[in-house]
């Protein structure tokens, strides 16, 4: 099927945040998909087939995306993975070569709060260049890009339940140079 290019200049479909690359908030949003529909009355855009959304350094990919606009003009997007895959996102953080990336079967982005929620088989990693500095896995992850704060829960509903599973966190050692040894007297 012929690819459809949707250039949607929505003022904030996936807005930049205080800690995400600030320049992203001034960039247009581009969405590529195999097909799309737009219901102006309900303010819902549905994109299917190899969906790729980009806005500055932010890149989100999935099999399907549904964008909704509330009466105040805030956008909410739900990415759903194609069968047997995961939906993904990646965004540059301010300061140097710092990135955050995540994946899950479903990803929800709330432009009003700038929170990304990852549901089912969720993984989130913070990187310096290509080096992973922190990574977490769980059934559900909520990531606040303004505060650079994440929470991981052991069920895909976003709550922890005894016996429902475990979450995993890996923190890499710091690569800060050690202080030079002081010569003895």
Protein backbone atom coordinates (compact mmCIF):
# COMPACT_ATOMS: atom_id res chain seq x y z
CA UNK A 1 0.00 0.00 0.00
CA UNK A 2 1.31 3.44 -0.87
CA UNK A 3 2.70 5.29 2.11
CA UNK A 4 0.77 8.35 3.19
CA UNK A 5 2.70 11.25 4.63
CA UNK A 6 0.77 13.24 7.18
CA UNK A 7 2.45 16.48 8.13
CA UNK A 8 0.51 17.58 11.15
CA UNK A 9 1.66 20.87 12.60
CA UNK A 10 -0.12 20.41 15.89
CA UNK A 11 1.15 22.77 18.55
CA UNK A 12 2.21 20.06 20.93
CA UNK A 13 1.19 16.57 19.79
CA UNK A 14 4.19 15.34 21.61
CA UNK A 15 5.62 18.52 23.07
CA UNK A 16 9.17 18.83 24.32
CA UNK A 17 9.62 19.08 28.01
CA UNK A 18 11.78 20.88 30.52
CA UNK A 19 14.26 17.98 30.54
CA UNK A 20 13.65 16.65 27.05
CA UNK A 21 15.37 18.47 24.21
CA UNK A 22 13.84 21.96 24.54
CA UNK A 23 14.11 22.65 20.82
CA UNK A 24 11.69 19.78 20.12
CA UNK A 25 8.71 21.84 21.30
CA UNK A 26 9.21 24.26 18.38
CA UNK A 27 9.44 21.58 15.70
CA UNK A 28 6.62 20.41 13.44
CA UNK A 29 5.27 16.90 13.92
CA UNK A 30 5.57 14.50 10.98
CA UNK A 31 3.73 11.21 10.88
CA UNK A 32 4.29 8.49 8.31
CA UNK A 33 1.89 5.54 8.05
CA UNK A 34 0.48 3.11 5.52
CA UNK A 35 -3.00 4.61 5.99
CA UNK A 36 -4.75 7.30 7.99
CA UNK A 37 -8.18 8.67 8.84
CA UNK A 38 -9.09 12.01 10.41
CA UNK A 39 -12.37 12.74 12.21
CA UNK A 40 -12.43 16.53 12.69
CA UNK A 41 -15.71 16.45 14.62
CA UNK A 42 -14.42 14.01 17.26
CA UNK A 43 -10.82 15.32 16.99
CA UNK A 44 -9.44 11.82 16.45
CA UNK A 45 -6.74 10.82 13.97
CA UNK A 46 -6.09 7.11 13.42
CA UNK A 47 -2.92 5.94 11.67
CA UNK A 48 -2.17 2.32 10.85
CA UNK A 49 0.70 0.34 9.39
CA UNK A 50 4.33 1.08 10.24
CA UNK A 51 3.54 4.36 12.00
CA UNK A 52 6.52 6.66 12.59
CA UNK A 53 6.03 9.96 14.42
CA UNK A 54 8.89 12.44 14.61
CA UNK A 55 9.17 15.83 16.24
CA UNK A 56 12.68 17.16 16.54
CA UNK A 57 14.65 14.45 18.34
CA UNK A 58 11.52 12.57 19.47
CA UNK A 59 10.77 9.43 17.45
CA UNK A 60 7.85 7.10 18.23
CA UNK A 61 7.07 3.94 16.23
CA UNK A 62 4.22 1.43 16.30
CA UNK A 63 1.79 -0.58 14.22
CA UNK A 64 -1.05 1.83 15.05
CA UNK A 65 -1.45 5.28 16.59
CA UNK A 66 -4.59 7.09 17.72
CA UNK A 67 -4.32 10.83 18.39
CA UNK A 68 -7.03 12.64 20.34
CA UNK A 69 -7.34 16.37 21.01
CA UNK A 70 -9.24 17.59 24.09
CA UNK A 71 -11.33 20.80 24.17
CA UNK A 72 -8.36 22.71 25.61
CA UNK A 73 -6.20 21.69 22.64
CA UNK A 74 -4.01 19.15 24.46
CA UNK A 75 -3.14 16.03 22.51
CA UNK A 76 -3.07 12.45 23.71
CA UNK A 77 -1.58 9.68 21.59
CA UNK A 78 -1.81 5.93 22.06
CA UNK A 79 0.65 3.74 20.17
CA UNK A 80 -0.17 0.05 19.84
CA UNK A 81 2.42 -2.46 18.69
CA UNK A 82 1.82 -4.68 15.69
CA UNK A 83 1.37 -8.35 16.68
CA UNK A 84 4.65 -9.89 17.87
CA UNK A 85 6.42 -6.51 18.18
CA UNK A 86 6.67 -3.58 20.58
CA UNK A 87 5.98 0.12 20.19
CA UNK A 88 9.03 2.34 20.79
CA UNK A 89 10.04 5.88 21.61
CA UNK A 90 13.36 7.70 21.77
CA UNK A 91 14.11 11.32 22.67
CA UNK A 92 17.20 13.41 23.30
CA UNK A 93 17.50 14.97 26.74
CA UNK A 94 19.04 18.39 27.25
CA UNK A 95 22.76 18.51 27.86
CA UNK A 96 25.29 16.57 25.85
CA UNK A 97 24.61 13.27 24.15
CA UNK A 98 21.88 12.15 26.60
CA UNK A 99 18.87 10.08 25.51
CA UNK A 100 15.87 8.22 26.89
CA UNK A 101 14.27 5.34 25.06
CA UNK A 102 11.53 2.89 25.83
CA UNK A 103 9.39 0.10 24.46
CA UNK A 104 6.18 -1.70 25.32
CA UNK A 105 3.18 -3.33 23.70
CA UNK A 106 1.26 -0.06 24.23
CA UNK A 107 2.61 3.44 24.82
CA UNK A 108 0.47 6.41 25.84
CA UNK A 109 1.72 9.99 25.66
CA UNK A 110 -0.11 12.83 27.42
CA UNK A 111 0.90 16.23 26.03
CA UNK A 112 -0.72 18.07 28.97
CA UNK A 113 1.37 16.36 31.66
CA UNK A 114 4.24 15.25 29.38
CA UNK A 115 4.09 11.77 30.84
CA UNK A 116 4.78 8.62 28.85
CA UNK A 117 3.14 5.42 30.06
CA UNK A 118 4.41 2.05 28.88
CA UNK A 119 2.06 -0.92 29.25
CA UNK A 120 2.98 -4.63 29.06
CA UNK A 121 6.54 -5.82 28.46
CA UNK A 122 7.74 -2.32 29.33
CA UNK A 123 11.40 -1.30 29.22
CA UNK A 124 12.99 2.11 29.70
CA UNK A 125 16.65 3.08 29.36
CA UNK A 126 18.61 6.29 29.84
CA UNK A 127 21.74 6.60 27.74
CA UNK A 128 24.87 8.68 27.40
CA UNK A 129 25.60 8.32 23.71
CA UNK A 130 25.15 4.60 23.13
CA UNK A 131 26.11 3.62 26.72
CA UNK A 132 23.15 2.62 28.87
CA UNK A 133 23.34 4.40 32.24
CA UNK A 134 20.08 3.16 33.77
CA UNK A 135 17.51 0.61 32.66
CA UNK A 136 14.28 -0.70 34.12
CA UNK A 137 11.80 -3.42 33.14
CA UNK A 138 8.35 -4.24 34.39
CA UNK A 139 4.76 -4.74 33.37
CA UNK A 140 4.13 -0.97 33.59
CA UNK A 141 6.39 2.11 33.56
CA UNK A 142 5.34 5.73 33.94
CA UNK A 143 7.97 8.28 32.84
CA UNK A 144 7.63 12.01 33.60
CA UNK A 145 9.89 13.78 31.12
CA UNK A 146 9.62 17.13 32.94
CA UNK A 147 11.00 15.74 36.20
CA UNK A 148 13.03 12.85 34.73
CA UNK A 149 11.20 10.55 37.15
CA UNK A 150 9.96 7.04 36.49
CA UNK A 151 7.92 4.51 38.43
CA UNK A 152 7.79 0.79 37.66
CA UNK A 153 4.95 -1.51 38.70
CA UNK A 154 4.52 -5.28 38.46
CA UNK A 155 1.13 -5.29 36.65
CA UNK A 156 0.15 -3.74 33.32
CA UNK A 157 -2.66 -1.85 35.08
CA UNK A 158 -0.11 0.44 36.70
CA UNK A 159 -0.42 -0.87 40.23
CA UNK A 160 1.72 -3.29 42.18
CA UNK A 161 0.15 -6.46 43.51
CA UNK A 162 1.81 -9.00 45.79
CA UNK A 163 2.90 -12.06 43.81
CA UNK A 164 2.14 -10.48 40.42
CA UNK A 165 5.75 -10.42 39.30
CA UNK A 166 8.94 -8.52 39.81
CA UNK A 167 10.47 -5.39 38.37
CA UNK A 168 14.12 -5.12 37.36
CA UNK A 169 16.47 -2.15 37.59
CA UNK A 170 20.10 -1.95 36.47
CA UNK A 171 22.28 1.03 37.40
CA UNK A 172 25.64 1.18 35.68
CA UNK A 173 28.74 2.25 37.61
CA UNK A 174 29.79 5.85 37.21
CA UNK A 175 32.69 6.45 34.85
CA UNK A 176 33.88 9.56 36.66
CA UNK A 177 37.66 9.80 36.85
CA UNK A 178 39.00 9.00 40.27
CA UNK A 179 40.90 11.69 42.14
CA UNK A 180 44.65 11.53 41.66
CA UNK A 181 46.50 9.90 44.52
CA UNK A 182 48.21 12.35 46.85
CA UNK A 183 51.89 11.65 47.09
CA UNK A 184 53.01 10.55 50.54
CA UNK A 185 55.26 12.82 52.63
